């Protein structure tokens, strides 16, 4: 969890509200963050990789794509990026 940020900080870094982050996670548009349970409360922590992926999703969303299309394009770009890193 080193370098992970809270949902508040993730919201600031991505330009999406906390409510949007929760909604997009629940609908499967973004990957689920790390969750830490403390009693009856569950805290979300976003890794730098989560933030990078959310920013890619937000880029397509801000270009006017529907949420499902933005998610599809983001997942494709993320997968392509992983393939490129493995080739190096």
PDB file of N, CA and C in Angstrom:
ATOM      1  N   UNK A   1       0.821  -1.204   0.000  1.00  0.00           N
ATOM      2  CA  UNK A   1       0.000   0.000   0.000  1.00  0.00           C
ATOM      3  C   UNK A   1       0.858   1.258   0.000  1.00  0.00           C
ATOM      4  N   UNK A   2       2.161   1.068  -0.030  1.00  0.00           N
ATOM      5  CA  UNK A   2       3.046   2.217  -0.061  1.00  0.00           C
ATOM      6  C   UNK A   2       2.729   3.061  -1.300  1.00  0.00           C
ATOM      7  N   UNK A   3       2.701   4.350  -1.138  1.00  0.00           N
ATOM      8  CA  UNK A   3       2.401   5.305  -2.202  1.00  0.00           C
ATOM      9  C   UNK A   3       0.929   5.319  -2.604  1.00  0.00           C
ATOM     10  N   UNK A   4       0.077   4.564  -1.938  1.00  0.00           N
ATOM     11  CA  UNK A   4      -1.352   4.591  -2.233  1.00  0.00           C
ATOM     12  C   UNK A   4      -1.970   5.842  -1.627  1.00  0.00           C
ATOM     13  N   UNK A   5      -3.057   6.298  -2.272  1.00  0.00           N
ATOM     14  CA  UNK A   5      -3.719   7.507  -1.792  1.00  0.00           C
ATOM     15  C   UNK A   5      -5.178   7.207  -1.476  1.00  0.00           C
ATOM     16  N   UNK A   6      -5.745   8.025  -0.625  1.00  0.00           N
ATOM     17  CA  UNK A   6      -7.149   7.881  -0.236  1.00  0.00           C
ATOM     18  C   UNK A   6      -8.043   8.284  -1.400  1.00  0.00           C
ATOM     19  N   UNK A   7      -9.323   8.007  -1.266  1.00  0.00           N
ATOM     20  CA  UNK A   7     -10.277   8.383  -2.312  1.00  0.00           C
ATOM     21  C   UNK A   7     -10.321   9.901  -2.477  1.00  0.00           C
ATOM     22  N   UNK A   8     -10.130  10.630  -1.405  1.00  0.00           N
ATOM     23  CA  UNK A   8     -10.116  12.095  -1.482  1.00  0.00           C
ATOM     24  C   UNK A   8      -8.955  12.570  -2.355  1.00  0.00           C
ATOM     25  N   UNK A   9      -7.778  12.020  -2.117  1.00  0.00           N
ATOM     26  CA  UNK A   9      -6.608  12.393  -2.912  1.00  0.00           C
ATOM     27  C   UNK A   9      -6.739  11.895  -4.351  1.00  0.00           C
ATOM     28  N   UNK A  10      -7.311  10.700  -4.529  1.00  0.00           N
ATOM     29  CA  UNK A  10      -7.522  10.165  -5.875  1.00  0.00           C
ATOM     30  C   UNK A  10      -8.468  11.077  -6.647  1.00  0.00           C
ATOM     31  N   UNK A  11      -9.470  11.593  -5.971  1.00  0.00           N
ATOM     32  CA  UNK A  11     -10.415  12.512  -6.594  1.00  0.00           C
ATOM     33  C   UNK A  11      -9.694  13.770  -7.076  1.00  0.00           C
ATOM     34  N   UNK A  12      -8.838  14.308  -6.246  1.00  0.00           N
ATOM     35  CA  UNK A  12      -8.075  15.503  -6.607  1.00  0.00           C
ATOM     36  C   UNK A  12      -7.150  15.223  -7.788  1.00  0.00           C
ATOM     37  N   UNK A  13      -6.476  14.068  -7.764  1.00  0.00           N
ATOM     38  CA  UNK A  13      -5.506  13.741  -8.810  1.00  0.00           C
ATOM     39  C   UNK A  13      -6.156  13.417 -10.158  1.00  0.00           C
ATOM     40  N   UNK A  14      -7.392  12.920 -10.141  1.00  0.00           N
ATOM     41  CA  UNK A  14      -8.032  12.494 -11.388  1.00  0.00           C
ATOM     42  C   UNK A  14      -9.072  13.480 -11.916  1.00  0.00           C
ATOM     43  N   UNK A  15      -9.520  14.392 -11.068  1.00  0.00           N
ATOM     44  CA  UNK A  15     -10.552  15.334 -11.485  1.00  0.00           C
ATOM     45  C   UNK A  15     -11.956  14.743 -11.443  1.00  0.00           C
ATOM     46  N   UNK A  16     -12.084  13.523 -10.930  1.00  0.00           N
ATOM     47  CA  UNK A  16     -13.401  12.894 -10.768  1.00  0.00           C
ATOM     48  C   UNK A  16     -13.805  13.015  -9.300  1.00  0.00           C
ATOM     49  N   UNK A  17     -15.081  13.178  -9.052  1.00  0.00           N
ATOM     50  CA  UNK A  17     -15.535  13.290  -7.667  1.00  0.00           C
ATOM     51  C   UNK A  17     -15.440  11.932  -6.972  1.00  0.00           C
ATOM     52  N   UNK A  18     -15.477  11.965  -5.658  1.00  0.00           N
ATOM     53  CA  UNK A  18     -15.466  10.723  -4.886  1.00  0.00           C
ATOM     54  C   UNK A  18     -16.677   9.870  -5.242  1.00  0.00           C
ATOM     55  N   UNK A  19     -17.808  10.527  -5.422  1.00  0.00           N
ATOM     56  CA  UNK A  19     -19.031   9.812  -5.791  1.00  0.00           C
ATOM     57  C   UNK A  19     -18.860   9.128  -7.150  1.00  0.00           C
ATOM     58  N   UNK A  20     -18.262   9.835  -8.116  1.00  0.00           N
ATOM     59  CA  UNK A  20     -18.028   9.241  -9.430  1.00  0.00           C
ATOM     60  C   UNK A  20     -17.093   8.031  -9.324  1.00  0.00           C
ATOM     61  N   UNK A  21     -16.025   8.166  -8.548  1.00  0.00           N
ATOM     62  CA  UNK A  21     -15.091   7.049  -8.391  1.00  0.00           C
ATOM     63  C   UNK A  21     -15.805   5.818  -7.823  1.00  0.00           C
ATOM     64  N   UNK A  22     -16.636   6.023  -6.812  1.00  0.00           N
ATOM     65  CA  UNK A  22     -17.380   4.903  -6.223  1.00  0.00           C
ATOM     66  C   UNK A  22     -18.352   4.290  -7.238  1.00  0.00           C
ATOM     67  N   UNK A  23     -19.062   5.153  -7.965  1.00  0.00           N
ATOM     68  CA  UNK A  23     -20.043   4.685  -8.947  1.00  0.00           C
ATOM     69  C   UNK A  23     -19.360   3.917 -10.076  1.00  0.00           C
ATOM     70  N   UNK A  24     -18.271   4.469 -10.619  1.00  0.00           N
ATOM     71  CA  UNK A  24     -17.580   3.813 -11.729  1.00  0.00           C
ATOM     72  C   UNK A  24     -16.968   2.487 -11.296  1.00  0.00           C
ATOM     73  N   UNK A  25     -16.512   2.431 -10.057  1.00  0.00           N
ATOM     74  CA  UNK A  25     -16.000   1.166  -9.509  1.00  0.00           C
ATOM     75  C   UNK A  25     -17.139   0.148  -9.408  1.00  0.00           C
ATOM     76  N   UNK A  26     -18.275   0.559  -8.862  1.00  0.00           N
ATOM     77  CA  UNK A  26     -19.420  -0.348  -8.675  1.00  0.00           C
ATOM     78  C   UNK A  26     -19.933  -0.886 -10.005  1.00  0.00           C
ATOM     79  N   UNK A  27     -19.871  -0.054 -11.053  1.00  0.00           N
ATOM     80  CA  UNK A  27     -20.360  -0.476 -12.368  1.00  0.00           C
ATOM     81  C   UNK A  27     -19.294  -1.194 -13.192  1.00  0.00           C
ATOM     82  N   UNK A  28     -18.070  -1.273 -12.654  1.00  0.00           N
ATOM     83  CA  UNK A  28     -17.008  -1.991 -13.352  1.00  0.00           C
ATOM     84  C   UNK A  28     -16.277  -1.192 -14.404  1.00  0.00           C
ATOM     85  N   UNK A  29     -16.463   0.132 -14.429  1.00  0.00           N
ATOM     86  CA  UNK A  29     -15.784   0.969 -15.417  1.00  0.00           C
ATOM     87  C   UNK A  29     -14.317   1.183 -15.060  1.00  0.00           C
ATOM     88  N   UNK A  30     -14.007   1.153 -13.768  1.00  0.00           N
ATOM     89  CA  UNK A  30     -12.616   1.255 -13.321  1.00  0.00           C
ATOM     90  C   UNK A  30     -12.335   0.075 -12.400  1.00  0.00           C
ATOM     91  N   UNK A  31     -11.062  -0.276 -12.290  1.00  0.00           N
ATOM     92  CA  UNK A  31     -10.679  -1.399 -11.443  1.00  0.00           C
ATOM     93  C   UNK A  31     -10.902  -1.069  -9.969  1.00  0.00           C
ATOM     94  N   UNK A  32     -11.212  -2.089  -9.216  1.00  0.00           N
ATOM     95  CA  UNK A  32     -11.463  -1.928  -7.789  1.00  0.00           C
ATOM     96  C   UNK A  32     -10.165  -1.557  -7.071  1.00  0.00           C
ATOM     97  N   UNK A  33     -10.214  -0.527  -6.228  1.00  0.00           N
ATOM     98  CA  UNK A  33      -9.015  -0.149  -5.471  1.00  0.00           C
ATOM     99  C   UNK A  33      -8.771  -1.124  -4.320  1.00  0.00           C
ATOM    100  N   UNK A  34      -7.669  -0.918  -3.644  1.00  0.00           N
ATOM    101  CA  UNK A  34      -7.352  -1.699  -2.446  1.00  0.00           C
ATOM    102  C   UNK A  34      -8.334  -1.248  -1.359  1.00  0.00           C
ATOM    103  N   UNK A  35      -8.927  -2.206  -0.672  1.00  0.00           N
ATOM    104  CA  UNK A  35      -9.871  -1.848   0.394  1.00  0.00           C
ATOM    105  C   UNK A  35      -9.340  -2.371   1.727  1.00  0.00           C
ATOM    106  N   UNK A  36      -9.374  -1.480   2.707  1.00  0.00           N
ATOM    107  CA  UNK A  36      -8.930  -1.823   4.061  1.00  0.00           C
ATOM    108  C   UNK A  36     -10.116  -1.630   4.986  1.00  0.00           C
ATOM    109  N   UNK A  37     -10.414  -2.658   5.731  1.00  0.00           N
ATOM    110  CA  UNK A  37     -11.552  -2.608   6.640  1.00  0.00           C
ATOM    111  C   UNK A  37     -11.051  -2.282   8.052  1.00  0.00           C
ATOM    112  N   UNK A  38     -11.716  -1.323   8.665  1.00  0.00           N
ATOM    113  CA  UNK A  38     -11.407  -0.936  10.038  1.00  0.00           C
ATOM    114  C   UNK A  38     -12.740  -0.908  10.788  1.00  0.00           C
ATOM    115  N   UNK A  39     -13.022  -1.987  11.494  1.00  0.00           N
ATOM    116  CA  UNK A  39     -14.321  -2.108  12.135  1.00  0.00           C
ATOM    117  C   UNK A  39     -15.389  -2.274  11.073  1.00  0.00           C
ATOM    118  N   UNK A  40     -16.387  -1.430  11.103  1.00  0.00           N
ATOM    119  CA  UNK A  40     -17.471  -1.523  10.126  1.00  0.00           C
ATOM    120  C   UNK A  40     -17.246  -0.605   8.912  1.00  0.00           C
ATOM    121  N   UNK A  41     -16.114   0.110   8.907  1.00  0.00           N
ATOM    122  CA  UNK A  41     -15.825   1.053   7.832  1.00  0.00           C
ATOM    123  C   UNK A  41     -14.792   0.460   6.877  1.00  0.00           C
ATOM    124  N   UNK A  42     -15.032   0.651   5.592  1.00  0.00           N
ATOM    125  CA  UNK A  42     -14.099   0.189   4.569  1.00  0.00           C
ATOM    126  C   UNK A  42     -13.493   1.408   3.876  1.00  0.00           C
ATOM    127  N   UNK A  43     -12.165   1.462   3.845  1.00  0.00           N
ATOM    128  CA  UNK A  43     -11.462   2.568   3.210  1.00  0.00           C
ATOM    129  C   UNK A  43     -10.896   2.122   1.869  1.00  0.00           C
ATOM    130  N   UNK A  44     -10.965   2.999   0.874  1.00  0.00           N
ATOM    131  CA  UNK A  44     -10.410   2.709  -0.444  1.00  0.00           C
ATOM    132  C   UNK A  44      -9.052   3.402  -0.561  1.00  0.00           C
ATOM    133  N   UNK A  45      -8.089   2.654  -1.090  1.00  0.00           N
ATOM    134  CA  UNK A  45      -6.770   3.219  -1.364  1.00  0.00           C
ATOM    135  C   UNK A  45      -6.411   2.927  -2.808  1.00  0.00           C
ATOM    136  N   UNK A  46      -5.970   3.966  -3.508  1.00  0.00           N
ATOM    137  CA  UNK A  46      -5.666   3.871  -4.924  1.00  0.00           C
ATOM    138  C   UNK A  46      -4.153   3.918  -5.130  1.00  0.00           C
ATOM    139  N   UNK A  47      -3.628   2.910  -5.811  1.00  0.00           N
ATOM    140  CA  UNK A  47      -2.199   2.852  -6.109  1.00  0.00           C
ATOM    141  C   UNK A  47      -1.890   3.809  -7.263  1.00  0.00           C
ATOM    142  N   UNK A  48      -0.625   4.112  -7.490  1.00  0.00           N
ATOM    143  CA  UNK A  48      -0.272   4.935  -8.655  1.00  0.00           C
ATOM    144  C   UNK A  48      -0.788   4.325  -9.968  1.00  0.00           C
ATOM    145  N   UNK A  49      -0.797   2.997 -10.072  1.00  0.00           N
ATOM    146  CA  UNK A  49      -1.319   2.333 -11.273  1.00  0.00           C
ATOM    147  C   UNK A  49      -2.816   2.551 -11.408  1.00  0.00           C
ATOM    148  N   UNK A  50      -3.561   2.522 -10.287  1.00  0.00           N
ATOM    149  CA  UNK A  50      -4.995   2.830 -10.315  1.00  0.00           C
ATOM    150  C   UNK A  50      -5.214   4.251 -10.845  1.00  0.00           C
ATOM    151  N   UNK A  51      -4.444   5.191 -10.327  1.00  0.00           N
ATOM    152  CA  UNK A  51      -4.588   6.593 -10.724  1.00  0.00           C
ATOM    153  C   UNK A  51      -4.309   6.733 -12.220  1.00  0.00           C
ATOM    154  N   UNK A  52      -3.269   6.070 -12.707  1.00  0.00           N
ATOM    155  CA  UNK A  52      -2.934   6.122 -14.136  1.00  0.00           C
ATOM    156  C   UNK A  52      -4.098   5.592 -14.966  1.00  0.00           C
ATOM    157  N   UNK A  53      -4.662   4.462 -14.553  1.00  0.00           N
ATOM    158  CA  UNK A  53      -5.776   3.852 -15.285  1.00  0.00           C
ATOM    159  C   UNK A  53      -7.017   4.735 -15.242  1.00  0.00           C
ATOM    160  N   UNK A  54      -7.294   5.328 -14.109  1.00  0.00           N
ATOM    161  CA  UNK A  54      -8.466   6.214 -13.987  1.00  0.00           C
ATOM    162  C   UNK A  54      -8.286   7.446 -14.869  1.00  0.00           C
ATOM    163  N   UNK A  55      -7.073   7.982 -14.928  1.00  0.00           N
ATOM    164  CA  UNK A  55      -6.817   9.136 -15.787  1.00  0.00           C
ATOM    165  C   UNK A  55      -7.034   8.796 -17.263  1.00  0.00           C
ATOM    166  N   UNK A  56      -6.674   7.585 -17.662  1.00  0.00           N
ATOM    167  CA  UNK A  56      -6.918   7.158 -19.043  1.00  0.00           C
ATOM    168  C   UNK A  56      -8.423   7.085 -19.298  1.00  0.00           C
ATOM    169  N   UNK A  57      -9.159   6.487 -18.364  1.00  0.00           N
ATOM    170  CA  UNK A  57     -10.622   6.412 -18.475  1.00  0.00           C
ATOM    171  C   UNK A  57     -11.219   7.815 -18.553  1.00  0.00           C
ATOM    172  N   UNK A  58     -10.783   8.708 -17.664  1.00  0.00           N
ATOM    173  CA  UNK A  58     -11.318  10.073 -17.614  1.00  0.00           C
ATOM    174  C   UNK A  58     -11.030  10.825 -18.910  1.00  0.00           C
ATOM    175  N   UNK A  59      -9.872  10.546 -19.523  1.00  0.00           N
ATOM    176  CA  UNK A  59      -9.531  11.193 -20.798  1.00  0.00           C
ATOM    177  C   UNK A  59     -10.601  10.890 -21.844  1.00  0.00           C
ATOM    178  N   UNK A  60     -10.996   9.625 -21.963  1.00  0.00           N
ATOM    179  CA  UNK A  60     -12.015   9.251 -22.945  1.00  0.00           C
ATOM    180  C   UNK A  60     -13.397   9.782 -22.551  1.00  0.00           C
ATOM    181  N   UNK A  61     -13.696   9.760 -21.262  1.00  0.00           N
ATOM    182  CA  UNK A  61     -14.973  10.290 -20.778  1.00  0.00           C
ATOM    183  C   UNK A  61     -15.080  11.771 -21.113  1.00  0.00           C
ATOM    184  N   UNK A  62     -13.987  12.505 -20.906  1.00  0.00           N
ATOM    185  CA  UNK A  62     -13.978  13.946 -21.175  1.00  0.00           C
ATOM    186  C   UNK A  62     -14.018  14.269 -22.665  1.00  0.00           C
ATOM    187  N   UNK A  63     -13.669  13.297 -23.502  1.00  0.00           N
ATOM    188  CA  UNK A  63     -13.758  13.487 -24.948  1.00  0.00           C
ATOM    189  C   UNK A  63     -15.191  13.281 -25.451  1.00  0.00           C
ATOM    190  N   UNK A  64     -16.087  12.898 -24.538  1.00  0.00           N
ATOM    191  CA  UNK A  64     -17.497  12.775 -24.894  1.00  0.00           C
ATOM    192  C   UNK A  64     -17.981  11.359 -25.146  1.00  0.00           C
ATOM    193  N   UNK A  65     -17.125  10.370 -24.927  1.00  0.00           N
ATOM    194  CA  UNK A  65     -17.558   8.984 -25.103  1.00  0.00           C
ATOM    195  C   UNK A  65     -18.492   8.592 -23.966  1.00  0.00           C
ATOM    196  N   UNK A  66     -19.417   7.683 -24.259  1.00  0.00           N
ATOM    197  CA  UNK A  66     -20.288   7.169 -23.195  1.00  0.00           C
ATOM    198  C   UNK A  66     -19.419   6.398 -22.207  1.00  0.00           C
ATOM    199  N   UNK A  67     -19.938   6.199 -21.020  1.00  0.00           N
ATOM    200  CA  UNK A  67     -19.146   5.511 -19.996  1.00  0.00           C
ATOM    201  C   UNK A  67     -18.697   4.113 -20.438  1.00  0.00           C
ATOM    202  N   UNK A  68     -19.593   3.278 -20.998  1.00  0.00           N
ATOM    203  CA  UNK A  68     -19.130   1.950 -21.427  1.00  0.00           C
ATOM    204  C   UNK A  68     -18.050   2.017 -22.519  1.00  0.00           C
ATOM    205  N   UNK A  69     -18.192   2.942 -23.446  1.00  0.00           N
ATOM    206  CA  UNK A  69     -17.202   3.073 -24.523  1.00  0.00           C
ATOM    207  C   UNK A  69     -15.888   3.612 -23.958  1.00  0.00           C
ATOM    208  N   UNK A  70     -15.973   4.594 -23.072  1.00  0.00           N
ATOM    209  CA  UNK A  70     -14.761   5.142 -22.446  1.00  0.00           C
ATOM    210  C   UNK A  70     -14.020   4.050 -21.693  1.00  0.00           C
ATOM    211  N   UNK A  71     -14.763   3.209 -20.972  1.00  0.00           N
ATOM    212  CA  UNK A  71     -14.134   2.110 -20.235  1.00  0.00           C
ATOM    213  C   UNK A  71     -13.489   1.120 -21.188  1.00  0.00           C
ATOM    214  N   UNK A  72     -14.183   0.797 -22.274  1.00  0.00           N
ATOM    215  CA  UNK A  72     -13.649  -0.137 -23.261  1.00  0.00           C
ATOM    216  C   UNK A  72     -12.364   0.393 -23.884  1.00  0.00           C
ATOM    217  N   UNK A  73     -12.357   1.656 -24.265  1.00  0.00           N
ATOM    218  CA  UNK A  73     -11.177   2.265 -24.857  1.00  0.00           C
ATOM    219  C   UNK A  73     -10.032   2.337 -23.840  1.00  0.00           C
ATOM    220  N   UNK A  74     -10.366   2.649 -22.597  1.00  0.00           N
ATOM    221  CA  UNK A  74      -9.337   2.722 -21.559  1.00  0.00           C
ATOM    222  C   UNK A  74      -8.715   1.349 -21.322  1.00  0.00           C
ATOM    223  N   UNK A  75      -9.551   0.306 -21.209  1.00  0.00           N
ATOM    224  CA  UNK A  75      -9.011  -1.044 -20.994  1.00  0.00           C
ATOM    225  C   UNK A  75      -8.122  -1.463 -22.155  1.00  0.00           C
ATOM    226  N   UNK A  76      -8.509  -1.108 -23.382  1.00  0.00           N
ATOM    227  CA  UNK A  76      -7.697  -1.448 -24.558  1.00  0.00           C
ATOM    228  C   UNK A  76      -6.353  -0.722 -24.506  1.00  0.00           C
ATOM    229  N   UNK A  77      -6.378   0.561 -24.153  1.00  0.00           N
ATOM    230  CA  UNK A  77      -5.128   1.333 -24.065  1.00  0.00           C
ATOM    231  C   UNK A  77      -4.239   0.803 -22.953  1.00  0.00           C
ATOM    232  N   UNK A  78      -4.830   0.454 -21.828  1.00  0.00           N
ATOM    233  CA  UNK A  78      -4.061  -0.087 -20.705  1.00  0.00           C
ATOM    234  C   UNK A  78      -3.424  -1.417 -21.097  1.00  0.00           C
ATOM    235  N   UNK A  79      -4.196  -2.283 -21.757  1.00  0.00           N
ATOM    236  CA  UNK A  79      -3.676  -3.579 -22.198  1.00  0.00           C
ATOM    237  C   UNK A  79      -2.554  -3.384 -23.209  1.00  0.00           C
ATOM    238  N   UNK A  80      -2.719  -2.446 -24.123  1.00  0.00           N
ATOM    239  CA  UNK A  80      -1.689  -2.163 -25.127  1.00  0.00           C
ATOM    240  C   UNK A  80      -0.422  -1.659 -24.444  1.00  0.00           C
ATOM    241  N   UNK A  81      -0.583  -0.811 -23.452  1.00  0.00           N
ATOM    242  CA  UNK A  81       0.566  -0.284 -22.711  1.00  0.00           C
ATOM    243  C   UNK A  81       1.318  -1.388 -21.990  1.00  0.00           C
ATOM    244  N   UNK A  82       0.594  -2.347 -21.440  1.00  0.00           N
ATOM    245  CA  UNK A  82       1.233  -3.473 -20.757  1.00  0.00           C
ATOM    246  C   UNK A  82       2.000  -4.335 -21.733  1.00  0.00           C
ATOM    247  N   UNK A  83       1.446  -4.531 -22.926  1.00  0.00           N
ATOM    248  CA  UNK A  83       2.145  -5.309 -23.944  1.00  0.00           C
ATOM    249  C   UNK A  83       3.431  -4.605 -24.356  1.00  0.00           C
ATOM    250  N   UNK A  84       3.367  -3.294 -24.517  1.00  0.00           N
ATOM    251  CA  UNK A  84       4.553  -2.545 -24.911  1.00  0.00           C
ATOM    252  C   UNK A  84       5.641  -2.611 -23.846  1.00  0.00           C
ATOM    253  N   UNK A  85       5.255  -2.568 -22.574  1.00  0.00           N
ATOM    254  CA  UNK A  85       6.238  -2.645 -21.491  1.00  0.00           C
ATOM    255  C   UNK A  85       6.875  -4.016 -21.420  1.00  0.00           C
ATOM    256  N   UNK A  86       6.117  -5.064 -21.735  1.00  0.00           N
ATOM    257  CA  UNK A  86       6.659  -6.421 -21.708  1.00  0.00           C
ATOM    258  C   UNK A  86       7.650  -6.644 -22.840  1.00  0.00           C
ATOM    259  N   UNK A  87       7.504  -5.910 -23.954  1.00  0.00           N
ATOM    260  CA  UNK A  87       8.400  -6.047 -25.095  1.00  0.00           C
ATOM    261  C   UNK A  87       9.759  -5.404 -24.828  1.00  0.00           C
ATOM    262  N   UNK A  88       9.791  -4.484 -23.877  1.00  0.00           N
ATOM    263  CA  UNK A  88      11.033  -3.739 -23.615  1.00  0.00           C
ATOM    264  C   UNK A  88      12.052  -4.586 -22.914  1.00  0.00           C
TER     265      UNK A  88
END
